[in-house]
Amino acid sequence: LPHDPRPESFDFVSSADGLRVLQQGACAPQDLPTGQPLIAILPASRLTWHRLKLPPLPRHQRLAAAIGLLEDQWLQPAATLHISLHAIPDATDGEDTCWVCVCDATWLKQALEPLVKSARVPQRLVPEFAPLSPGQTDTLSLSGTPQEATVVWCRPQGVLSAPWPAPWPLLRAT
């Protein structure tokens, strides 16, 4: 999905096995390739990640508990956000147990609207970048255009995103 809502075209990559690119480009929603599931990738610049420890609760109560624990950190009401929980693999007692991924619900609805109107509803929403599992090596990615580049640092402690060429104070501070 594009950072700006209501795009005229969508970038896409088509793959039969998830490993090899069959086709790539940009087109109107109705012209997107068919035959494979449509997966929307949410840009790192639109997401925030929060790591927390949830008490042992039934699955259906976990989201409400996460919202209650994080509500003071968000600058807008939880009802205006799209929120998803992601378990931390190999979490042990006393450690944080989940990642909470958050984006603005209005932006998400506007970005998906052209796809929905073209009957090309994504089967899944996935983040462009996500926190790594414990033991994985940190990654540093540079993406975008020369005029609007972004640096994204993925590590087990989270995802940091900053505009280029100014990320160094942020990275040095961590």
Protein backbone atom coordinates (compact mmCIF):
# COMPACT_ATOMS: atom_id res chain seq x y z
CA LEU A 1 0.00 0.00 0.00
CA PRO A 2 1.25 3.52 -0.68
CA HIS A 3 2.07 5.92 2.14
CA ASP A 4 -0.42 8.44 0.77
CA PRO A 5 -4.04 7.27 0.69
CA ARG A 6 -6.13 7.02 -2.49
CA PRO A 7 -3.42 6.28 -5.02
CA GLU A 8 -4.09 6.10 -8.75
CA SER A 9 -1.86 3.05 -9.12
CA PHE A 10 -0.39 0.34 -6.94
CA ASP A 11 3.10 -1.14 -7.08
CA PHE A 12 2.95 -4.93 -7.24
CA VAL A 13 5.05 -8.07 -7.40
CA SER A 14 3.57 -11.35 -8.59
CA SER A 15 5.00 -14.71 -7.52
CA ALA A 16 3.69 -18.26 -7.72
CA ASP A 17 5.90 -19.57 -4.90
CA GLY A 18 6.76 -16.47 -2.85
CA LEU A 19 10.40 -16.75 -3.88
CA ARG A 20 10.65 -15.96 -7.59
CA VAL A 21 9.23 -12.86 -9.23
CA LEU A 22 6.95 -13.60 -12.18
CA GLN A 23 5.91 -10.03 -12.85
CA GLN A 24 6.29 -6.61 -11.25
CA GLY A 25 5.19 -3.08 -11.98
CA ALA A 26 2.55 -0.50 -11.16
CA CYS A 27 -1.04 -0.43 -12.35
CA ALA A 28 -4.60 0.51 -11.51
CA PRO A 29 -6.29 -1.79 -8.95
CA GLN A 30 -8.51 -3.49 -11.54
CA ASP A 31 -5.41 -4.42 -13.57
CA LEU A 32 -3.55 -6.18 -10.76
CA PRO A 33 -2.53 -9.75 -11.63
CA THR A 34 -5.00 -12.46 -10.70
CA GLY A 35 -4.53 -16.12 -9.89
CA GLN A 36 -2.61 -15.67 -6.63
CA PRO A 37 -3.78 -14.33 -3.28
CA LEU A 38 -3.55 -10.56 -2.98
CA ILE A 39 -1.42 -9.52 0.00
CA ALA A 40 -1.19 -5.83 0.96
CA ILE A 41 2.08 -4.64 2.46
CA LEU A 42 1.76 -1.80 4.95
CA PRO A 43 4.63 0.72 4.76
CA ALA A 44 6.94 0.96 7.77
CA SER A 45 6.40 4.72 7.86
CA ARG A 46 2.71 4.14 8.71
CA LEU A 47 3.26 1.61 11.52
CA THR A 48 4.32 1.72 15.14
CA TRP A 49 5.39 -1.32 17.13
CA HIS A 50 4.92 -1.74 20.89
CA ARG A 51 6.37 -4.62 22.91
CA LEU A 52 4.59 -5.68 26.07
CA LYS A 53 3.88 -8.48 28.47
CA LEU A 54 0.27 -9.60 28.56
CA PRO A 55 -1.11 -11.44 31.55
CA PRO A 56 -2.31 -14.99 30.86
CA LEU A 57 -5.72 -14.42 29.30
CA PRO A 58 -8.06 -16.22 26.93
CA ARG A 59 -7.31 -15.37 23.30
CA HIS A 60 -10.46 -13.25 22.88
CA GLN A 61 -9.42 -10.93 25.77
CA ARG A 62 -5.82 -10.28 24.68
CA LEU A 63 -6.53 -7.34 22.35
CA ALA A 64 -8.58 -5.47 24.98
CA ALA A 65 -5.79 -6.00 27.52
CA ALA A 66 -3.16 -4.69 25.08
CA ILE A 67 -5.25 -1.60 24.34
CA GLY A 68 -5.65 -0.94 28.05
CA LEU A 69 -1.90 -1.20 28.63
CA LEU A 70 -0.92 1.01 25.67
CA GLU A 71 -3.73 3.56 25.48
CA ASP A 72 -1.70 6.30 27.19
CA GLN A 73 1.15 5.95 24.67
CA TRP A 74 -1.04 6.66 21.64
CA LEU A 75 -1.83 10.22 20.65
CA GLN A 76 -5.30 9.31 19.43
CA PRO A 77 -8.19 7.15 20.70
CA ALA A 78 -7.80 3.40 20.23
CA ALA A 79 -11.06 3.35 18.24
CA THR A 80 -9.32 5.31 15.46
CA LEU A 81 -6.49 2.78 15.14
CA HIS A 82 -6.05 -0.57 13.41
CA ILE A 83 -4.35 -2.81 15.97
CA SER A 84 -2.93 -6.32 15.61
CA LEU A 85 -1.14 -8.64 18.04
CA HIS A 86 1.92 -10.70 17.13
CA ALA A 87 3.30 -13.30 19.53
CA ILE A 88 7.02 -13.16 20.33
CA PRO A 89 8.49 -16.58 19.52
CA ASP A 90 10.30 -18.33 22.36
CA ALA A 91 9.15 -15.82 25.00
CA THR A 92 9.77 -17.12 28.51
CA ASP A 93 8.24 -16.28 31.87
CA GLY A 94 9.04 -12.74 32.95
CA GLU A 95 9.64 -11.52 29.38
CA ASP A 96 7.50 -9.50 27.02
CA THR A 97 5.11 -11.84 25.26
CA CYS A 98 3.79 -9.93 22.24
CA TRP A 99 4.28 -7.16 19.75
CA VAL A 100 1.38 -4.81 19.10
CA CYS A 101 1.41 -3.31 15.60
CA VAL A 102 -0.63 -0.13 15.14
CA CYS A 103 -1.63 2.11 12.23
CA ASP A 104 -4.21 4.79 11.61
CA ALA A 105 -7.51 3.14 10.67
CA THR A 106 -8.65 6.04 8.46
CA TRP A 107 -5.48 5.89 6.38
CA LEU A 108 -5.79 2.09 6.06
CA LYS A 109 -9.43 2.31 4.96
CA GLN A 110 -8.61 5.01 2.38
CA ALA A 111 -5.60 3.08 1.05
CA LEU A 112 -7.66 -0.12 0.67
CA GLU A 113 -10.72 1.62 -0.81
CA PRO A 114 -9.58 1.52 -4.48
CA LEU A 115 -8.82 -2.19 -4.13
CA VAL A 116 -12.19 -2.93 -2.54
CA LYS A 117 -14.05 -0.94 -5.22
CA SER A 118 -12.24 -3.00 -7.89
CA ALA A 119 -13.20 -6.27 -6.15
CA ARG A 120 -9.51 -6.92 -5.35
CA VAL A 121 -9.74 -7.26 -1.57
CA PRO A 122 -6.43 -8.34 0.01
CA GLN A 123 -6.52 -11.68 1.82
CA ARG A 124 -3.83 -10.51 4.26
CA LEU A 125 -2.20 -7.34 5.53
CA VAL A 126 1.49 -7.66 6.37
CA PRO A 127 4.03 -5.10 7.60
CA GLU A 128 6.81 -3.98 5.27
CA PHE A 129 9.25 -4.49 8.18
CA ALA A 130 8.74 -6.28 11.49
CA PRO A 131 10.76 -6.90 14.65
CA LEU A 132 13.13 -9.84 14.37
CA SER A 133 13.01 -13.01 16.42
CA PRO A 134 15.55 -13.33 19.24
CA GLY A 135 18.91 -14.47 17.88
CA GLN A 136 18.37 -13.05 14.39
CA THR A 137 20.91 -10.54 13.06
CA ASP A 138 19.86 -6.89 12.90
CA THR A 139 19.10 -5.51 9.44
CA LEU A 140 19.47 -1.97 8.17
CA SER A 141 17.51 -1.08 5.02
CA LEU A 142 17.49 2.05 2.91
CA SER A 143 14.43 2.52 0.70
CA GLY A 144 12.53 5.16 -1.23
CA THR A 145 13.75 7.72 -3.72
CA PRO A 146 16.93 9.83 -3.44
CA GLN A 147 14.71 12.80 -2.54
CA GLU A 148 12.62 10.90 0.04
CA ALA A 149 14.73 8.03 1.35
CA THR A 150 14.04 6.22 4.62
CA VAL A 151 16.33 4.15 6.83
CA VAL A 152 14.72 1.21 8.64
CA TRP A 153 16.54 -0.72 11.37
CA CYS A 154 14.97 -4.08 12.31
CA ARG A 155 16.13 -5.88 15.43
CA PRO A 156 14.66 -8.11 18.14
CA GLN A 157 14.00 -4.99 20.23
CA GLY A 158 11.84 -3.38 17.54
CA VAL A 159 11.74 -1.43 14.28
CA LEU A 160 13.15 2.08 13.99
CA SER A 161 12.40 4.19 10.94
CA ALA A 162 13.83 7.64 10.16
CA PRO A 163 14.26 9.87 7.12
CA TRP A 164 17.59 9.87 5.32
CA PRO A 165 20.10 11.48 5.85
CA ALA A 166 19.02 12.34 9.40
CA PRO A 167 18.68 8.95 11.17
CA TRP A 168 22.08 8.97 12.85
CA PRO A 169 21.09 10.74 16.11
CA LEU A 170 18.21 8.25 16.45
CA LEU A 171 20.43 5.25 15.75
CA ARG A 172 23.27 6.54 17.95
CA ALA A 173 20.85 7.09 20.86
CA THR A 174 19.82 3.45 20.82
